[in-house]
Protein backbone atom coordinates (compact mmCIF):
# COMPACT_ATOMS: atom_id res chain seq x y z
CA MET A 1 -139.12 -58.77 96.82
CA LYS A 2 -137.10 -56.61 94.83
CA LYS A 3 -136.32 -57.36 91.43
CA ILE A 4 -132.67 -58.80 90.72
CA PRO A 5 -130.45 -56.73 87.98
CA ASN A 6 -129.54 -59.07 84.92
CA ILE A 7 -125.73 -58.34 84.57
CA VAL A 8 -124.36 -59.29 81.43
CA ILE A 9 -120.75 -60.49 80.42
CA ILE A 10 -119.56 -59.63 77.04
CA GLY A 11 -116.43 -59.27 74.99
CA ARG A 12 -114.74 -61.13 71.92
CA PRO A 13 -113.70 -64.50 72.34
CA ASN A 14 -110.92 -66.28 74.89
CA VAL A 15 -110.51 -62.75 77.00
CA GLY A 16 -111.74 -64.95 79.95
CA LYS A 17 -115.51 -64.48 80.15
CA SER A 18 -116.03 -67.54 81.47
CA SER A 19 -113.34 -67.77 83.75
CA LEU A 20 -114.53 -64.52 85.41
CA PHE A 21 -118.19 -66.16 85.16
CA ASN A 22 -117.04 -68.89 87.43
CA ARG A 23 -115.02 -66.56 90.22
CA LEU A 24 -117.94 -64.45 90.56
CA VAL A 25 -120.27 -67.28 91.03
CA HIS A 26 -117.73 -69.48 92.84
CA SER A 27 -118.74 -72.69 90.90
CA ARG A 28 -116.84 -74.13 87.39
CA LYS A 29 -120.43 -73.84 86.05
CA ALA A 30 -119.04 -72.20 82.48
CA ILE A 31 -116.72 -74.45 80.42
CA VAL A 32 -113.32 -72.73 80.20
CA HIS A 33 -111.18 -73.78 77.20
CA ASP A 34 -108.44 -71.81 75.17
CA VAL A 35 -110.45 -73.16 71.94
CA ALA A 36 -112.53 -70.12 70.38
CA GLY A 37 -116.41 -70.45 70.44
CA THR A 38 -116.59 -72.94 73.51
CA THR A 39 -119.58 -71.17 74.92
CA ARG A 40 -122.25 -70.92 73.04
CA ASP A 41 -125.59 -70.24 75.20
CA ILE A 42 -126.16 -67.61 77.65
CA VAL A 43 -125.26 -69.05 81.24
CA SER A 44 -126.69 -67.48 84.18
CA GLU A 45 -126.47 -68.04 88.00
CA THR A 46 -127.18 -65.69 91.22
CA VAL A 47 -124.79 -63.98 93.00
CA GLU A 48 -125.18 -62.48 96.50
CA TYR A 49 -122.68 -60.03 98.18
CA SER A 50 -123.25 -57.71 100.72
CA GLY A 51 -126.71 -58.45 101.31
CA LYS A 52 -127.39 -57.92 97.37
CA LYS A 53 -128.35 -60.10 94.71
CA ILE A 54 -127.82 -60.02 90.87
CA LYS A 55 -128.18 -62.74 87.83
CA LEU A 56 -125.19 -62.93 86.21
CA HIS A 57 -124.95 -64.26 82.59
CA ASP A 58 -122.22 -65.19 80.43
CA THR A 59 -121.92 -65.04 76.40
CA ALA A 60 -120.42 -66.48 73.66
CA GLY A 61 -117.58 -64.52 72.34
CA TYR A 62 -118.96 -61.76 70.11
CA LEU A 63 -117.64 -62.86 66.79
CA ARG A 64 -119.57 -62.67 63.37
CA ASP A 65 -118.34 -65.69 61.49
CA LYS A 66 -120.69 -67.34 58.81
CA ASP A 67 -121.41 -70.61 60.41
CA GLU A 68 -124.86 -71.52 61.79
CA LEU A 69 -123.58 -71.84 65.35
CA SER A 70 -121.50 -68.52 65.49
CA GLU A 71 -124.70 -66.72 63.97
CA ARG A 72 -127.19 -67.73 66.47
CA ALA A 73 -124.65 -67.47 69.18
CA TYR A 74 -124.74 -63.54 68.06
CA GLU A 75 -128.03 -63.17 67.83
CA LYS A 76 -128.27 -64.63 71.93
CA ILE A 77 -125.88 -62.31 72.52
CA LYS A 78 -127.66 -59.01 71.19
CA GLU A 79 -130.70 -60.80 73.45
CA ALA A 80 -128.78 -60.47 76.28
CA VAL A 81 -127.57 -56.86 75.95
CA ASP A 82 -131.10 -56.06 75.23
CA PHE A 83 -132.42 -57.28 78.99
CA SER A 84 -129.28 -56.38 80.63
CA ASP A 85 -129.28 -53.92 83.63
CA SER A 86 -125.55 -53.61 83.19
CA LEU A 87 -122.79 -54.80 81.16
CA ILE A 88 -119.22 -56.17 81.86
CA LEU A 89 -117.05 -55.64 79.07
CA THR A 90 -114.35 -57.97 79.16
CA VAL A 91 -111.06 -57.59 77.53
CA ASP A 92 -107.45 -59.32 77.27
CA GLY A 93 -104.85 -56.86 79.43
CA ASN A 94 -102.14 -58.64 77.63
CA VAL A 95 -103.07 -57.88 73.43
CA GLY A 96 -103.95 -54.15 72.38
CA ALA A 97 -107.51 -53.82 71.22
CA THR A 98 -108.51 -55.39 68.43
CA ASN A 99 -110.93 -53.70 65.79
CA ILE A 100 -113.67 -56.39 67.55
CA ASP A 101 -112.95 -55.08 71.03
CA LYS A 102 -113.73 -51.49 69.47
CA VAL A 103 -117.29 -52.90 67.89
CA ILE A 104 -118.28 -53.89 71.10
CA ALA A 105 -117.39 -51.14 73.23
CA ASP A 106 -119.28 -49.24 70.87
CA ILE A 107 -122.25 -51.32 71.00
CA ALA A 108 -122.10 -51.62 74.86
CA ARG A 109 -121.87 -47.71 74.88
CA LYS A 110 -125.08 -47.49 72.45
CA SER A 111 -126.67 -49.64 74.38
CA GLY A 112 -127.19 -46.86 77.48
CA LYS A 113 -126.31 -49.49 80.17
CA GLU A 114 -124.11 -48.84 82.84
CA ILE A 115 -120.45 -50.36 81.63
CA PHE A 116 -117.95 -51.82 83.70
CA LEU A 117 -114.65 -52.21 81.73
CA VAL A 118 -112.54 -55.40 83.04
CA ILE A 119 -109.31 -55.44 81.88
CA ASN A 120 -108.44 -59.24 82.72
CA LYS A 121 -105.38 -61.11 82.40
CA ILE A 122 -103.18 -59.00 84.79
CA ASP A 123 -101.57 -61.66 86.37
CA ASN A 124 -98.59 -59.61 88.28
CA ASN A 125 -97.81 -55.71 88.69
CA ARG A 126 -96.41 -55.47 85.76
CA ILE A 127 -99.12 -53.51 84.08
CA PRO A 128 -98.90 -53.86 80.22
CA GLU A 129 -98.57 -51.11 77.64
CA SER A 130 -101.87 -52.47 76.03
CA VAL A 131 -104.03 -51.18 78.93
CA ASP A 132 -103.57 -47.80 77.99
CA ASP A 133 -105.60 -49.19 74.57
CA TYR A 134 -108.58 -49.88 76.80
CA LYS A 135 -108.62 -46.79 79.00
CA LYS A 136 -108.86 -44.68 75.92
CA PHE A 137 -112.41 -46.12 75.34
CA GLY A 138 -113.19 -44.06 78.19
CA PHE A 139 -115.24 -45.88 80.78
CA LYS A 140 -115.56 -44.20 84.46
CA ASN A 141 -115.57 -48.01 86.09
CA THR A 142 -112.60 -49.85 84.70
CA PHE A 143 -110.84 -52.59 86.44
CA LEU A 144 -107.62 -54.42 86.29
CA ILE A 145 -107.90 -58.48 87.14
CA SER A 146 -106.77 -61.78 86.77
CA ALA A 147 -109.95 -63.84 86.99
CA ILE A 148 -108.12 -67.31 87.01
CA HIS A 149 -105.63 -65.62 89.81
CA ASN A 150 -108.39 -64.05 91.94
CA ILE A 151 -106.33 -60.57 91.29
CA GLY A 152 -107.99 -57.77 91.95
CA MET A 153 -111.40 -59.51 92.22
CA ASP A 154 -112.40 -58.20 95.92
CA ASP A 155 -112.01 -54.40 94.55
CA PHE A 156 -114.20 -55.19 91.57
CA LEU A 157 -116.38 -57.26 93.33
CA SER A 158 -117.39 -54.23 95.59
CA ALA A 159 -117.39 -51.62 92.91
CA LEU A 160 -119.90 -54.07 90.83
CA PHE A 161 -122.46 -54.40 93.71
CA GLU A 162 -122.06 -50.91 95.04
CA ASN A 163 -123.03 -49.35 91.71
CA ILE A 164 -126.16 -51.92 90.77
CA LYS A 165 -129.62 -50.21 91.23
CA ILE A 166 -132.62 -52.13 92.31
CA THR A 167 -135.47 -49.89 91.35
CA LYS A 168 -138.40 -52.22 90.60
CA GLU A 169 -140.34 -53.64 93.29
CA ILE A 170 -142.31 -57.64 92.88
CA GLU A 171 -145.50 -57.38 95.43
CA ASN A 172 -145.14 -60.87 96.66
CA ASP A 173 -145.41 -61.79 100.24
CA ILE A 174 -145.10 -65.36 99.95
CA ILE A 175 -141.70 -67.67 99.71
CA PRO A 176 -142.62 -70.09 96.93
CA ASP A 177 -141.89 -73.74 96.83
CA LYS A 178 -138.71 -74.46 94.62
CA ILE A 179 -137.80 -77.43 92.10
CA ARG A 180 -134.95 -78.01 90.14
CA ILE A 181 -135.57 -80.24 87.02
CA ALA A 182 -132.72 -81.17 84.72
CA ILE A 183 -133.27 -82.07 81.18
CA VAL A 184 -131.24 -84.91 80.14
CA GLY A 185 -130.93 -87.51 77.30
CA ARG A 186 -128.62 -88.22 73.90
CA PRO A 187 -127.40 -85.67 71.67
CA ASN A 188 -130.16 -84.59 69.29
CA VAL A 189 -133.15 -85.45 70.78
CA GLY A 190 -134.77 -82.41 71.68
CA LYS A 191 -133.56 -81.06 75.24
CA SER A 192 -133.10 -77.26 74.12
CA SER A 193 -136.15 -77.63 71.96
CA LEU A 194 -137.76 -78.69 75.23
CA LEU A 195 -136.16 -76.14 77.32
CA ASN A 196 -137.32 -73.13 75.17
CA ALA A 197 -140.90 -74.65 74.79
CA ILE A 198 -141.42 -75.13 78.67
CA ILE A 199 -140.45 -71.25 79.19
CA LYS A 200 -142.28 -70.36 76.02
CA LYS A 201 -138.93 -68.28 74.79
CA GLU A 202 -135.93 -68.88 72.79
CA LYS A 203 -133.43 -69.36 75.42
CA ALA A 204 -131.25 -72.41 74.48
CA ILE A 205 -129.71 -72.53 70.61
CA VAL A 206 -131.24 -75.12 68.93
CA SER A 207 -129.59 -76.60 66.09
CA SER A 208 -129.57 -80.07 64.40
CA ILE A 209 -125.21 -80.53 64.81
CA PRO A 210 -124.74 -82.65 67.59
CA GLY A 211 -122.92 -81.11 70.62
CA THR A 212 -124.51 -78.07 70.39
CA THR A 213 -125.27 -77.47 73.94
CA ARG A 214 -121.98 -77.42 76.29
CA ASP A 215 -122.53 -75.31 78.98
CA ILE A 216 -125.70 -75.88 81.33
CA VAL A 217 -128.73 -73.52 80.18
CA SER A 218 -130.97 -72.62 83.22
CA GLU A 219 -134.05 -70.42 83.33
CA GLU A 220 -136.41 -69.85 86.22
CA PHE A 221 -140.17 -69.24 86.25
CA ILE A 222 -143.01 -69.82 88.65
CA LYS A 223 -146.10 -71.49 88.18
CA ASP A 224 -148.81 -71.76 90.57
CA ASP A 225 -146.93 -70.34 93.29
CA ILE A 226 -143.74 -72.96 92.58
CA VAL A 227 -140.14 -71.68 91.49
CA MET A 228 -139.08 -73.78 88.96
CA THR A 229 -135.62 -74.29 87.56
CA VAL A 230 -135.31 -75.94 84.72
CA SER A 231 -131.71 -76.53 83.07
CA ASP A 232 -130.73 -78.05 79.50
CA THR A 233 -127.77 -80.21 79.42
CA ALA A 234 -125.20 -81.48 77.10
CA GLY A 235 -126.16 -84.58 75.15
CA ALA A 236 -124.71 -87.60 76.78
CA ARG A 237 -123.29 -90.02 74.91
CA LYS A 238 -121.52 -93.19 75.77
CA PRO A 239 -118.53 -92.66 78.61
CA GLY A 240 -116.28 -94.78 76.40
CA LYS A 241 -116.89 -92.26 73.40
CA ILE A 242 -116.26 -89.14 75.40
CA GLY A 243 -113.11 -90.57 76.77
CA LYS A 244 -111.81 -91.46 73.22
CA ALA A 245 -112.72 -87.76 71.94
CA TYR A 246 -110.65 -86.61 75.38
CA LYS A 247 -107.65 -88.79 74.41
CA LYS A 248 -107.59 -87.04 70.62
CA GLY A 249 -107.37 -83.84 72.14
CA GLU A 250 -110.85 -82.66 72.25
CA PRO A 251 -111.69 -82.05 76.14
CA VAL A 252 -114.97 -79.95 76.03
CA GLU A 253 -117.08 -83.04 75.65
CA LYS A 254 -115.70 -84.32 78.85
CA TYR A 255 -116.32 -81.15 80.55
CA SER A 256 -119.75 -80.85 79.38
CA PHE A 257 -120.50 -84.44 80.46
CA LEU A 258 -119.24 -83.31 84.41
CA ARG A 259 -121.32 -80.47 84.67
CA THR A 260 -124.48 -82.60 83.28
CA LYS A 261 -123.76 -85.12 86.11
CA ARG A 262 -123.51 -82.32 88.62
CA GLU A 263 -126.44 -80.37 87.86
CA VAL A 264 -128.46 -83.99 87.66
CA GLU A 265 -127.03 -84.26 91.27
CA LYS A 266 -128.37 -81.02 92.28
CA SER A 267 -131.82 -81.60 90.89
CA ASP A 268 -134.95 -82.77 92.28
CA ILE A 269 -136.44 -84.09 89.31
CA THR A 270 -134.96 -85.03 85.89
CA LEU A 271 -136.65 -85.08 82.36
CA VAL A 272 -135.38 -88.12 80.55
CA VAL A 273 -135.80 -87.12 76.56
CA ILE A 274 -136.48 -89.72 74.13
CA ASP A 275 -136.69 -89.62 70.34
CA ALA A 276 -139.41 -91.23 69.29
CA SER A 277 -138.73 -91.30 65.72
CA GLU A 278 -135.47 -93.65 66.64
CA ARG A 279 -135.08 -97.00 68.32
CA ILE A 280 -134.57 -97.24 72.01
CA ALA A 281 -130.90 -97.17 73.14
CA ALA A 282 -129.03 -98.87 75.76
CA GLN A 283 -127.47 -95.21 76.48
CA ASP A 284 -131.18 -94.15 77.15
CA LEU A 285 -131.46 -97.11 79.93
CA HIS A 286 -127.76 -95.69 81.22
CA ILE A 287 -129.08 -92.50 81.44
CA ALA A 288 -132.33 -93.23 83.20
CA GLY A 289 -130.87 -95.59 85.36
CA ASP A 290 -128.23 -93.21 86.61
CA ALA A 291 -130.84 -90.70 87.78
CA LYS A 292 -132.69 -93.70 89.50
CA GLU A 293 -129.13 -94.22 91.49
CA LEU A 294 -129.06 -90.66 92.36
CA GLY A 295 -132.67 -91.06 93.91
CA LYS A 296 -134.03 -88.40 91.22
CA GLY A 297 -137.51 -87.92 90.49
CA ILE A 298 -137.99 -89.08 86.91
CA ILE A 299 -140.32 -88.16 84.05
CA LEU A 300 -140.07 -89.84 80.64
CA VAL A 301 -140.61 -87.21 77.87
CA ILE A 302 -141.30 -89.10 74.27
CA ASN A 303 -140.41 -86.35 72.25
CA LYS A 304 -140.93 -85.72 68.01
CA TRP A 305 -144.19 -87.50 68.75
CA ASP A 306 -145.26 -85.55 65.45
CA LEU A 307 -142.86 -87.13 63.31
CA VAL A 308 -144.22 -90.97 64.13
CA LYS A 309 -147.23 -91.69 61.83
CA GLU A 310 -147.69 -95.47 62.50
CA THR A 311 -146.77 -96.59 65.87
CA ALA A 312 -149.74 -96.07 68.35
CA GLN A 313 -149.12 -94.69 71.86
CA ASP A 314 -149.91 -97.70 73.66
CA LYS A 315 -147.86 -100.00 71.65
CA PHE A 316 -144.75 -97.62 71.73
CA LEU A 317 -145.43 -97.26 75.57
CA ALA A 318 -145.40 -100.89 75.93
CA ARG A 319 -141.96 -101.53 74.23
CA LEU A 320 -140.61 -98.58 76.40
CA ARG A 321 -141.91 -100.24 79.37
CA TYR A 322 -140.15 -103.45 78.58
CA HIS A 323 -137.01 -102.00 77.90
CA PHE A 324 -137.38 -100.08 81.15
CA ASN A 325 -139.14 -102.60 83.39
CA PHE A 326 -137.02 -101.62 86.31
CA MET A 327 -138.98 -98.34 86.43
CA ILE A 328 -142.44 -99.00 86.04
CA TRP A 329 -143.30 -96.16 88.31
CA VAL A 330 -141.90 -93.82 85.95
CA PRO A 331 -144.85 -91.66 84.41
CA ALA A 332 -144.34 -90.97 80.78
CA ILE A 333 -145.50 -88.55 78.08
CA PHE A 334 -145.47 -88.13 74.51
CA VAL A 335 -144.94 -84.56 73.31
CA SER A 336 -143.48 -82.24 70.26
CA ALA A 337 -141.57 -79.82 71.44
CA LYS A 338 -141.22 -78.65 67.76
CA THR A 339 -144.99 -78.14 67.78
CA GLY A 340 -146.13 -77.44 71.32
CA ARG A 341 -148.12 -80.58 72.06
CA ASN A 342 -148.86 -81.53 75.67
CA ILE A 343 -145.90 -79.24 76.65
CA ASP A 344 -147.87 -77.63 79.25
CA GLU A 345 -149.05 -81.15 81.18
CA ILE A 346 -145.12 -81.75 81.82
CA VAL A 347 -145.44 -79.21 84.57
CA GLU A 348 -148.59 -80.22 85.90
CA ILE A 349 -146.82 -83.84 85.94
CA ILE A 350 -143.72 -82.27 87.73
CA LYS A 351 -145.90 -80.92 90.24
CA THR A 352 -147.27 -84.33 90.75
CA VAL A 353 -143.78 -85.76 91.47
CA SER A 354 -142.50 -83.39 93.31
CA LYS A 355 -145.49 -83.83 95.53
CA ASN A 356 -144.93 -87.50 95.67
CA GLN A 357 -141.39 -87.04 96.42
CA ARG A 358 -142.26 -85.23 99.63
CA THR A 359 -144.93 -87.60 100.85
CA GLU A 360 -144.65 -88.53 104.38
CA ILE A 361 -146.27 -91.57 106.36
CA ASN A 362 -147.30 -91.80 109.68
CA THR A 363 -144.97 -94.24 111.82
CA SER A 364 -147.54 -96.47 112.93
CA LYS A 365 -149.29 -96.76 109.83
CA LEU A 366 -145.86 -97.55 108.08
CA ASN A 367 -145.17 -100.02 111.20
CA ARG A 368 -148.60 -101.72 110.62
CA ILE A 369 -148.01 -102.21 106.61
CA VAL A 370 -144.42 -103.68 107.35
CA GLU A 371 -145.67 -106.04 110.23
CA GLU A 372 -148.37 -107.54 107.94
CA PHE A 373 -146.04 -107.43 105.04
CA ALA A 374 -143.62 -109.27 107.11
CA LEU A 375 -146.25 -111.89 108.11
CA ASN A 376 -147.42 -112.84 104.99
CA ASN A 377 -144.02 -113.03 103.32
CA THR A 378 -141.46 -114.66 105.79
CA VAL A 379 -138.30 -113.03 105.59
CA LYS A 380 -135.37 -116.03 105.03
CA GLY A 381 -132.22 -116.16 106.52
CA LEU A 382 -129.11 -118.29 106.09
CA GLY A 383 -128.95 -121.53 108.31
CA THR A 384 -129.55 -120.40 111.58
CA PHE A 385 -128.98 -116.59 111.15
CA ARG A 386 -133.07 -115.66 111.06
CA PRO A 387 -133.70 -111.75 110.23
CA LYS A 388 -135.88 -110.19 112.45
CA LEU A 389 -137.77 -106.84 112.29
CA PHE A 390 -138.47 -104.60 114.99
CA PHE A 391 -139.40 -100.99 113.88
CA ALA A 392 -139.52 -99.21 110.72
CA SER A 393 -139.79 -94.92 110.24
CA GLN A 394 -139.45 -92.66 107.35
CA THR A 395 -136.22 -91.06 107.95
CA ASP A 396 -136.16 -88.84 104.99
CA LYS A 397 -137.46 -86.86 101.77
CA ILE A 398 -136.52 -86.70 98.16
CA PRO A 399 -136.51 -89.53 97.61
CA PRO A 400 -138.83 -90.76 100.37
CA THR A 401 -136.76 -93.15 102.50
CA PHE A 402 -137.33 -95.94 104.84
CA THR A 403 -135.10 -97.24 107.88
CA ILE A 404 -135.87 -100.54 109.45
CA THR A 405 -134.39 -101.83 112.73
CA ALA A 406 -133.65 -105.39 112.26
CA LYS A 407 -131.44 -108.26 113.48
CA PHE A 408 -129.42 -110.08 110.90
CA HIS A 409 -130.47 -107.60 108.08
CA GLU A 410 -127.95 -108.48 106.20
CA PHE A 411 -129.21 -111.35 105.57
CA ILE A 412 -132.63 -110.23 103.53
CA HIS A 413 -132.64 -110.98 100.28
CA PHE A 414 -132.81 -108.31 97.81
CA ALA A 415 -135.81 -109.55 96.32
CA TRP A 416 -137.81 -109.52 99.76
CA ARG A 417 -136.74 -105.74 99.78
CA ARG A 418 -138.19 -105.09 96.34
CA ALA A 419 -141.29 -107.04 96.90
CA LEU A 420 -141.85 -104.39 100.33
CA GLU A 421 -141.14 -101.44 98.06
CA ASN A 422 -143.90 -102.62 95.79
CA GLU A 423 -146.26 -102.89 98.89
CA LEU A 424 -145.79 -99.42 100.03
CA ARG A 425 -146.24 -98.54 96.30
CA ARG A 426 -149.43 -100.09 96.54
CA HIS A 427 -150.46 -97.85 99.57
CA PHE A 428 -149.17 -94.82 98.77
CA ASP A 429 -148.50 -92.63 95.42
CA PHE A 430 -144.80 -92.89 94.88
CA THR A 431 -145.28 -92.18 91.08
CA GLY A 432 -142.10 -90.50 89.56
CA THR A 433 -140.07 -91.09 92.80
CA PRO A 434 -137.53 -94.06 93.86
CA ILE A 435 -137.97 -95.12 97.27
CA LYS A 436 -134.94 -96.02 99.38
CA ILE A 437 -135.08 -98.97 102.15
CA GLU A 438 -132.35 -99.05 104.45
CA PHE A 439 -131.60 -101.74 107.66
CA LYS A 440 -129.98 -100.68 110.42
CA ALA A 441 -128.68 -103.38 113.25
CA LYS A 442 -130.57 -103.36 116.21
CA ARG A 443 -128.20 -102.62 119.28
């Protein structure tokens, strides 16, 4: 397998870096808004074109403000420039080159990396005079585009992939299994710290300021020949509070919420993070419940256990199970992202849950279990409508899904279905994964 080059988009705020990123990855992964500083973390995605692949990275606007988050974002940009193979320097073609543009151009030039200068926001055939300012930067690869209106993108994309160089080789003849993991939870429970602790590097910005994470921050790593992509998501407040913020003219949180929802939908397993130093909130239950309804593998991660001095683990876990009584099959682990306590064990639990999600049950064995259960637990109907079971089969994985052909199945009570699920869990290890039992009418 060839090494995938890292291509990093840099530029000052509001020049259209996130719009360019979204256009290249064919997805609205990065949040686009006219408020400066919307992007804070590095947002990454793999792009394939003409048989070649690159890893594209969107960065925060290069601006040295004095607040904590701007400083952290600035450090992330410097890291991105260092690990990049090529840089896409993005500027606003409707505005002349500013002092910040010139500073960034000097930084890019001194990096020694290949530079692609993208003059963005050229939305029609009229070329603004300000474009001449940027051509004086002297970069050979210069392109006039509009990321929003998809103007000039084909020429830029062709040139970008034509000029990238793939030199290093990774010796690996085996295509590894892949697991997508989403870290979810309320604001300030330690999701970004957990991501950094799992991947063992400072990928996501960590701050005590609520709402620090806005975009989806992902990192891929290999463990025991398994490719794991773990994603940090924005803190999930109650939908009502998000709606109120949106009505008050603060839409970024809503965009973050929608991206978090989409990331969970794409994931195989969710790490539901709970702050051990706080009381369990209804929102914790909603977050876990949403993951369950989507059929995702679930692991409860009780973070900040280093701050809890008095409560014993078994006592805390009993209280947790009481609140999460609808998910008795979910594994829980006590960790401290700050100290590194039990972090490595999370990966082992992920591997176990992933294996359980892929469980396949022999059809004859499945039918024997269902038949014996039905004999000991008569299926009640309604009046003269008596349900009758004929055949059961496993029809899907992730989550394991079982379809039972039956007569008058619409009259089968949910309590009987739940009892059958418990019976299947008694026979097979479905720890960490929901299972679905569906019925279809006999023809």
